Protein backbone atom coordinates (compact mmCIF):
# COMPACT_ATOMS: atom_id res chain seq x y z
CA MET A 1 18.50 10.62 -27.23
CA THR A 2 18.48 11.95 -23.72
CA THR A 3 19.05 10.81 -20.41
CA SER A 4 15.67 12.15 -19.27
CA PRO A 5 13.30 9.07 -18.68
CA VAL A 6 10.56 10.97 -20.68
CA SER A 7 10.58 12.67 -24.02
CA ILE A 8 7.81 14.26 -25.96
CA GLN A 9 8.79 15.03 -29.59
CA SER A 10 7.63 15.54 -33.04
CA ALA A 11 10.50 13.81 -34.84
CA PRO A 12 10.50 10.10 -35.24
CA PHE A 13 12.36 8.03 -32.75
CA ASP A 14 15.02 5.36 -33.34
CA THR A 15 13.57 2.38 -31.50
CA ALA A 16 16.72 0.30 -31.50
CA ALA A 17 18.97 3.34 -30.57
CA GLU A 18 16.61 4.02 -27.63
CA ILE A 19 16.93 0.46 -26.26
CA ALA A 20 20.75 0.20 -26.86
CA ALA A 21 21.21 3.47 -24.96
CA LEU A 22 19.34 2.22 -21.79
CA SER A 23 21.15 -1.34 -22.27
CA ASP A 24 24.35 0.17 -22.61
CA ALA A 25 23.66 2.29 -19.57
CA LEU A 26 22.71 -0.52 -17.46
CA HIS A 27 25.12 -2.97 -18.99
CA GLY A 28 25.40 -6.21 -16.65
CA ARG A 29 23.05 -4.83 -14.06
CA VAL A 30 19.73 -6.18 -15.59
CA GLY A 31 18.24 -9.45 -16.46
CA ALA A 32 15.40 -7.99 -18.55
CA ILE A 33 14.60 -5.40 -20.97
CA VAL A 34 11.03 -5.12 -22.14
CA THR A 35 9.95 -2.86 -25.14
CA PHE A 36 6.50 -1.74 -26.41
CA SER A 37 6.16 0.19 -29.56
CA GLY A 38 3.09 1.68 -30.50
CA LEU A 39 2.51 2.49 -34.45
CA CYS A 40 -0.05 4.54 -36.21
CA ARG A 41 -2.55 2.37 -38.03
CA ASP A 42 -4.23 3.40 -41.42
CA GLU A 43 -7.67 1.78 -40.05
CA GLY A 44 -8.10 -0.35 -43.15
CA GLY A 45 -7.22 2.63 -45.34
CA ARG A 46 -9.47 5.11 -43.83
CA LEU A 47 -6.93 7.08 -42.03
CA THR A 48 -3.97 9.14 -43.66
CA ALA A 49 -2.44 10.66 -40.42
CA LEU A 50 -3.12 11.05 -36.55
CA GLU A 51 -2.79 14.30 -35.14
CA LEU A 52 -1.57 14.29 -31.48
CA GLU A 53 -1.61 17.38 -29.31
CA HIS A 54 -0.26 17.99 -25.83
CA TYR A 55 0.49 20.78 -23.35
CA PRO A 56 4.25 21.23 -23.25
CA GLY A 57 5.75 20.97 -19.83
CA MET A 58 2.67 19.52 -18.27
CA ALA A 59 2.60 16.40 -20.42
CA GLU A 60 6.42 15.58 -19.57
CA ALA A 61 5.64 16.46 -15.86
CA GLU A 62 2.67 14.05 -15.57
CA ILE A 63 4.23 11.31 -17.68
CA GLY A 64 7.34 11.79 -15.33
CA ARG A 65 5.19 11.30 -12.20
CA VAL A 66 3.74 8.06 -13.59
CA VAL A 67 7.00 6.61 -14.27
CA GLU A 68 8.05 7.60 -10.48
CA GLU A 69 4.85 5.48 -9.62
CA ALA A 70 6.08 2.64 -11.75
CA ARG A 71 9.55 2.62 -10.06
CA ALA A 72 7.67 2.49 -6.58
CA ARG A 73 5.69 -0.38 -7.60
CA TRP A 74 8.36 -2.50 -9.43
CA PRO A 75 12.00 -2.65 -8.82
CA LEU A 76 12.99 -0.82 -11.92
CA ASP A 77 16.51 -0.22 -12.98
CA GLY A 78 15.74 1.92 -16.04
CA VAL A 79 12.82 3.45 -17.89
CA ARG A 80 12.43 5.27 -21.05
CA VAL A 81 9.04 6.79 -22.42
CA VAL A 82 8.98 8.48 -25.67
CA HIS A 83 5.75 9.81 -27.41
CA ARG A 84 5.49 11.79 -30.60
CA HIS A 85 3.04 14.83 -31.07
CA GLY A 86 2.23 16.45 -34.12
CA LEU A 87 1.12 14.68 -37.57
CA VAL A 88 1.83 11.01 -37.33
CA THR A 89 1.41 8.65 -40.59
CA PRO A 90 0.39 5.12 -40.80
CA GLY A 91 3.28 3.09 -39.92
CA ASP A 92 5.31 5.51 -37.81
CA GLY A 93 5.96 5.05 -34.38
CA ILE A 94 3.60 7.06 -31.88
CA VAL A 95 5.09 5.80 -28.59
CA LEU A 96 7.90 3.71 -27.15
CA VAL A 97 8.12 2.25 -23.61
CA VAL A 98 11.32 0.63 -22.38
CA THR A 99 11.56 -0.85 -18.85
CA ALA A 100 14.60 -2.45 -17.32
CA SER A 101 14.63 -4.77 -14.22
CA SER A 102 16.56 -7.64 -12.68
CA HIS A 103 13.64 -9.95 -13.51
CA ARG A 104 11.30 -10.06 -16.44
CA ILE A 105 7.94 -10.08 -14.62
CA ALA A 106 8.76 -6.54 -13.11
CA ALA A 107 9.84 -5.20 -16.39
CA PHE A 108 6.61 -6.67 -18.17
CA GLU A 109 4.13 -5.37 -15.59
CA ALA A 110 5.72 -1.88 -15.32
CA ALA A 111 5.61 -1.72 -19.18
CA SER A 112 1.99 -2.77 -19.35
CA PHE A 113 1.12 -0.28 -16.58
CA LEU A 114 2.78 2.53 -18.24
CA MET A 115 1.08 1.82 -21.67
CA ASP A 116 -2.08 1.61 -20.00
CA TYR A 117 -1.69 5.02 -18.37
CA LEU A 118 -0.55 6.38 -21.73
CA LYS A 119 -3.62 4.99 -23.61
CA THR A 120 -6.09 6.19 -21.02
CA ARG A 121 -4.96 9.24 -18.98
CA ALA A 122 -1.96 10.60 -20.56
CA PRO A 123 -2.45 14.43 -21.60
CA PHE A 124 -2.66 13.94 -25.26
CA TRP A 125 -5.28 14.49 -27.68
CA LYS A 126 -5.67 12.58 -30.83
CA ARG A 127 -7.57 13.44 -34.03
CA GLU A 128 -7.90 11.39 -37.31
CA HIS A 129 -7.14 12.86 -40.69
CA LEU A 130 -9.19 10.88 -43.08
CA ALA A 131 -8.30 9.61 -46.56
CA ASP A 132 -11.30 11.45 -48.00
CA GLY A 133 -9.40 14.85 -47.10
CA THR A 134 -11.48 15.59 -44.13
CA THR A 135 -10.44 15.75 -40.54
CA GLY A 136 -12.26 13.41 -38.23
CA GLY A 137 -13.21 13.70 -34.59
CA TRP A 138 -11.14 13.53 -31.59
CA VAL A 139 -10.30 9.73 -30.50
CA GLU A 140 -11.23 8.79 -27.03
CA ALA A 141 -9.82 5.77 -24.93
CA THR A 142 -12.00 2.82 -25.52
CA ARG A 143 -13.90 0.70 -22.82
CA ALA A 144 -11.19 -1.99 -23.28
CA ASP A 145 -8.56 0.56 -22.69
CA ASP A 146 -10.13 1.71 -19.38
CA ASP A 147 -10.85 -1.85 -18.22
CA ALA A 148 -6.98 -2.67 -18.65
CA ALA A 149 -5.91 0.52 -16.83
CA GLY A 150 -8.47 -0.55 -14.11
CA ARG A 151 -6.39 -3.30 -13.17
CA TRP A 152 -3.80 -1.09 -11.49
CA ALA A 153 -6.13 0.93 -9.23
């Protein structure tokens, strides 16, 4: 674990440890901690892995910029974003967003804002690895994802 609000890593993350670290650092100063854990799905048995690529350095900086935007929009006392890269298999965590604030609404909205950004505009590229042994295409954000992100404009 790190004190930086953003971590992009190939290794699995420990959701409980990440939440505990932020909670311990803010002990007594917040009234709400909201978390979102995004997991890799098997897409009905069709998928054996999801490959995530990124530009090291650029991805951290861009996500850090959006974390600062969230801090400007909501009264946040703490934020943690962890995103995996490399091959991720079904059931494994891909992304974790943790937001902390004095009040729940700010924490919920900031977490939702960050996830909408990560789903639609973060500099990651996802490719499917299929159960038949082939490599599928690159995965794009869905219209529903774009619509969700549009509410923050």
